[in-house]
C-alpha atoms as a PDB file:
ATOM      1  CA  MET A   1      -0.467 -21.208   7.111  1.00  0.00           C
ATOM      2  CA  GLN A   2       2.149 -18.667   6.915  1.00  0.00           C
ATOM      3  CA  ARG A   3       2.259 -16.148   9.676  1.00  0.00           C
ATOM      4  CA  ILE A   4       1.738 -12.462   8.666  1.00  0.00           C
ATOM      5  CA  LYS A   5       4.424 -10.250  10.273  1.00  0.00           C
ATOM      6  CA  GLY A   6       2.816  -7.162   8.967  1.00  0.00           C
ATOM      7  CA  TYR A   7       1.328  -5.363   6.137  1.00  0.00           C
ATOM      8  CA  HIS A   8       2.074  -2.668   3.481  1.00  0.00           C
ATOM      9  CA  ALA A   9      -0.338  -0.259   1.912  1.00  0.00           C
ATOM     10  CA  HIS A  10       0.974   1.517  -1.053  1.00  0.00           C
ATOM     11  CA  VAL A  11      -1.144   4.564  -2.060  1.00  0.00           C
ATOM     12  CA  TYR A  12      -0.836   5.367  -5.754  1.00  0.00           C
ATOM     13  CA  TYR A  13      -0.993   8.930  -7.066  1.00  0.00           C
ATOM     14  CA  ASP A  14       0.324  11.218  -9.897  1.00  0.00           C
ATOM     15  CA  ALA A  15       1.096  14.941 -10.219  1.00  0.00           C
ATOM     16  CA  SER A  16      -2.496  15.922  -9.880  1.00  0.00           C
ATOM     17  CA  THR A  17      -3.251  13.691  -6.705  1.00  0.00           C
ATOM     18  CA  LEU A  18      -0.013  14.087  -4.958  1.00  0.00           C
ATOM     19  CA  GLU A  19      -1.229  16.390  -2.272  1.00  0.00           C
ATOM     20  CA  GLN A  20      -4.293  14.388  -1.885  1.00  0.00           C
ATOM     21  CA  ALA A  21      -2.315  11.344  -1.238  1.00  0.00           C
ATOM     22  CA  ARG A  22       0.121  13.070   1.194  1.00  0.00           C
ATOM     23  CA  GLU A  23      -2.785  14.149   3.251  1.00  0.00           C
ATOM     24  CA  LEU A  24      -4.215  10.725   3.237  1.00  0.00           C
ATOM     25  CA  CYS A  25      -0.995   9.057   4.411  1.00  0.00           C
ATOM     26  CA  GLU A  26      -0.112  11.808   6.899  1.00  0.00           C
ATOM     27  CA  GLU A  27      -3.746  11.212   8.478  1.00  0.00           C
ATOM     28  CA  ALA A  28      -3.253   7.608   8.455  1.00  0.00           C
ATOM     29  CA  ALA A  29       0.136   8.034  10.417  1.00  0.00           C
ATOM     30  CA  ARG A  30      -1.625  10.471  12.817  1.00  0.00           C
ATOM     31  CA  LEU A  31      -4.395   8.231  13.660  1.00  0.00           C
ATOM     32  CA  PHE A  32      -2.890   4.674  13.702  1.00  0.00           C
ATOM     33  CA  PRO A  33       0.321   2.910  14.576  1.00  0.00           C
ATOM     34  CA  VAL A  34       1.327   3.268  10.912  1.00  0.00           C
ATOM     35  CA  THR A  35       4.856   4.028   9.599  1.00  0.00           C
ATOM     36  CA  MET A  36       4.550   6.615   6.531  1.00  0.00           C
ATOM     37  CA  GLY A  37       7.228   6.106   3.806  1.00  0.00           C
ATOM     38  CA  ARG A  38       8.523   8.660   1.314  1.00  0.00           C
ATOM     39  CA  MET A  39       6.393  10.326  -1.229  1.00  0.00           C
ATOM     40  CA  HIS A  40       7.959   8.820  -4.460  1.00  0.00           C
ATOM     41  CA  GLN A  41       7.451  10.803  -7.738  1.00  0.00           C
ATOM     42  CA  GLN A  42       8.505   8.057 -10.004  1.00  0.00           C
ATOM     43  CA  PRO A  43       7.665   4.191  -9.896  1.00  0.00           C
ATOM     44  CA  VAL A  44       9.760   2.352  -7.418  1.00  0.00           C
ATOM     45  CA  GLY A  45      10.112  -1.362  -6.957  1.00  0.00           C
ATOM     46  CA  PRO A  46       7.399  -3.402  -8.476  1.00  0.00           C
ATOM     47  CA  HIS A  47       4.839  -0.343  -8.461  1.00  0.00           C
ATOM     48  CA  PRO A  48       3.993   1.027 -11.867  1.00  0.00           C
ATOM     49  CA  ASP A  49       2.788   4.474 -10.357  1.00  0.00           C
ATOM     50  CA  TRP A  50       4.118   6.999  -7.894  1.00  0.00           C
ATOM     51  CA  SER A  51       3.396   5.859  -4.385  1.00  0.00           C
ATOM     52  CA  CYS A  52       3.574   5.992  -0.829  1.00  0.00           C
ATOM     53  CA  GLN A  53       4.107   3.186   1.619  1.00  0.00           C
ATOM     54  CA  LEU A  54       2.165   2.812   4.827  1.00  0.00           C
ATOM     55  CA  ALA A  55       3.702   0.119   7.071  1.00  0.00           C
ATOM     56  CA  PHE A  56       1.625  -1.580   9.850  1.00  0.00           C
ATOM     57  CA  GLY A  57       1.372  -4.587  12.211  1.00  0.00           C
ATOM     58  CA  PRO A  58      -1.312  -7.241  11.717  1.00  0.00           C
ATOM     59  CA  GLU A  59      -3.019  -6.286  15.027  1.00  0.00           C
ATOM     60  CA  VAL A  60      -4.207  -3.082  13.159  1.00  0.00           C
ATOM     61  CA  VAL A  61      -5.204  -4.127   9.726  1.00  0.00           C
ATOM     62  CA  GLY A  62      -8.737  -4.527  10.980  1.00  0.00           C
ATOM     63  CA  VAL A  63      -8.907  -0.683  11.423  1.00  0.00           C
ATOM     64  CA  VAL A  64      -6.579   0.570   8.833  1.00  0.00           C
ATOM     65  CA  LEU A  65      -7.914  -1.280   5.882  1.00  0.00           C
ATOM     66  CA  PRO A  66     -11.551   0.021   6.165  1.00  0.00           C
ATOM     67  CA  TRP A  67     -10.355   3.380   7.181  1.00  0.00           C
ATOM     68  CA  LEU A  68      -8.366   3.549   3.878  1.00  0.00           C
ATOM     69  CA  ALA A  69     -11.278   2.140   1.848  1.00  0.00           C
ATOM     70  CA  LEU A  70     -13.523   4.859   3.341  1.00  0.00           C
ATOM     71  CA  TYR A  71     -11.212   7.841   2.905  1.00  0.00           C
ATOM     72  CA  ARG A  72      -9.177   7.252  -0.171  1.00  0.00           C
ATOM     73  CA  LYS A  73     -11.504   9.407  -2.240  1.00  0.00           C
ATOM     74  CA  GLY A  74     -10.661   7.543  -5.512  1.00  0.00           C
ATOM     75  CA  LEU A  75      -6.910   6.944  -4.957  1.00  0.00           C
ATOM     76  CA  VAL A  76      -5.775   3.404  -5.817  1.00  0.00           C
ATOM     77  CA  VAL A  77      -4.456   1.468  -2.636  1.00  0.00           C
ATOM     78  CA  PHE A  78      -2.524  -1.856  -2.967  1.00  0.00           C
ATOM     79  CA  LEU A  79      -2.357  -3.638   0.248  1.00  0.00           C
ATOM     80  CA  HIS A  80      -0.406  -6.790   1.097  1.00  0.00           C
ATOM     81  CA  PRO A  81       0.770  -8.947   3.889  1.00  0.00           C
ATOM     82  CA  LEU A  82       4.282  -9.608   4.718  1.00  0.00           C
ATOM     83  CA  THR A  83       4.774 -13.309   5.074  1.00  0.00           C
ATOM     84  CA  GLY A  84       8.486 -13.681   3.769  1.00  0.00           C
ATOM     85  CA  ASP A  85       7.436 -14.561   0.372  1.00  0.00           C
ATOM     86  CA  GLU A  86       7.560 -11.396  -1.650  1.00  0.00           C
ATOM     87  CA  LEU A  87       6.160 -12.898  -4.858  1.00  0.00           C
ATOM     88  CA  ALA A  88       3.152 -14.414  -3.353  1.00  0.00           C
ATOM     89  CA  ASP A  89       2.551 -11.431  -1.052  1.00  0.00           C
ATOM     90  CA  HIS A  90       2.394  -9.190  -4.104  1.00  0.00           C
ATOM     91  CA  ARG A  91       0.771 -11.463  -6.412  1.00  0.00           C
ATOM     92  CA  ASP A  92      -1.537 -13.831  -4.735  1.00  0.00           C
ATOM     93  CA  HIS A  93      -2.262 -12.024  -1.407  1.00  0.00           C
ATOM     94  CA  ALA A  94      -3.047  -8.737  -2.798  1.00  0.00           C
ATOM     95  CA  ILE A  95      -5.992  -6.525  -1.703  1.00  0.00           C
ATOM     96  CA  TRP A  96      -6.819  -3.665  -4.183  1.00  0.00           C
ATOM     97  CA  MET A  97      -8.873  -0.738  -3.702  1.00  0.00           C
ATOM     98  CA  GLY A  98      -9.739   0.796  -6.871  1.00  0.00           C
ATOM     99  CA  ALA A  99      -8.219  -0.105 -10.228  1.00  0.00           C
ATOM    100  CA  VAL A 100      -5.880  -3.243 -10.238  1.00  0.00           C
ATOM    101  CA  ARG A 101      -2.677  -1.964 -11.616  1.00  0.00           C
ATOM    102  CA  PRO A 102       0.045  -4.199 -13.390  1.00  0.00           C
ATOM    103  CA  LEU A 103       2.928  -4.758 -10.898  1.00  0.00           C
ATOM    104  CA  LYS A 104       6.365  -5.564 -11.940  1.00  0.00           C
ATOM    105  CA  LEU A 105       6.356  -8.873 -10.447  1.00  0.00           C
ATOM    106  CA  SER A 106       9.680 -10.048 -12.532  1.00  0.00           C
ATOM    107  CA  ILE A 107      11.883  -8.193  -9.581  1.00  0.00           C
ATOM    108  CA  PHE A 108      10.608 -11.092  -7.402  1.00  0.00           C
ATOM    109  CA  GLY A 109      11.321 -13.824  -9.826  1.00  0.00           C
ATOM    110  CA  GLY A 110       7.681 -13.921 -11.023  1.00  0.00           C
END
């Protein structure tokens, strides 16, 4: 079993939901030991939509994940562990809240 070093939650949004996403991410960073990334207004990396990354340790996934599920208000959230295998983390270990979006896994050789 691979050790999970942390998690990334990617909150997806578009122009009409940008402020909603910003509020969700900022609130997560206020409530939990979560590092909020930039509010990207273009697809970045494997992500097909605009997104903001929330990074956190494995010790808080049990409170961050259900909080996101309850307060995402229709936003799509893609959550994955950090095991050192980026392809498997994004493809095999993914947790989706809302619609599953097509990731560009080719950047990881997948």
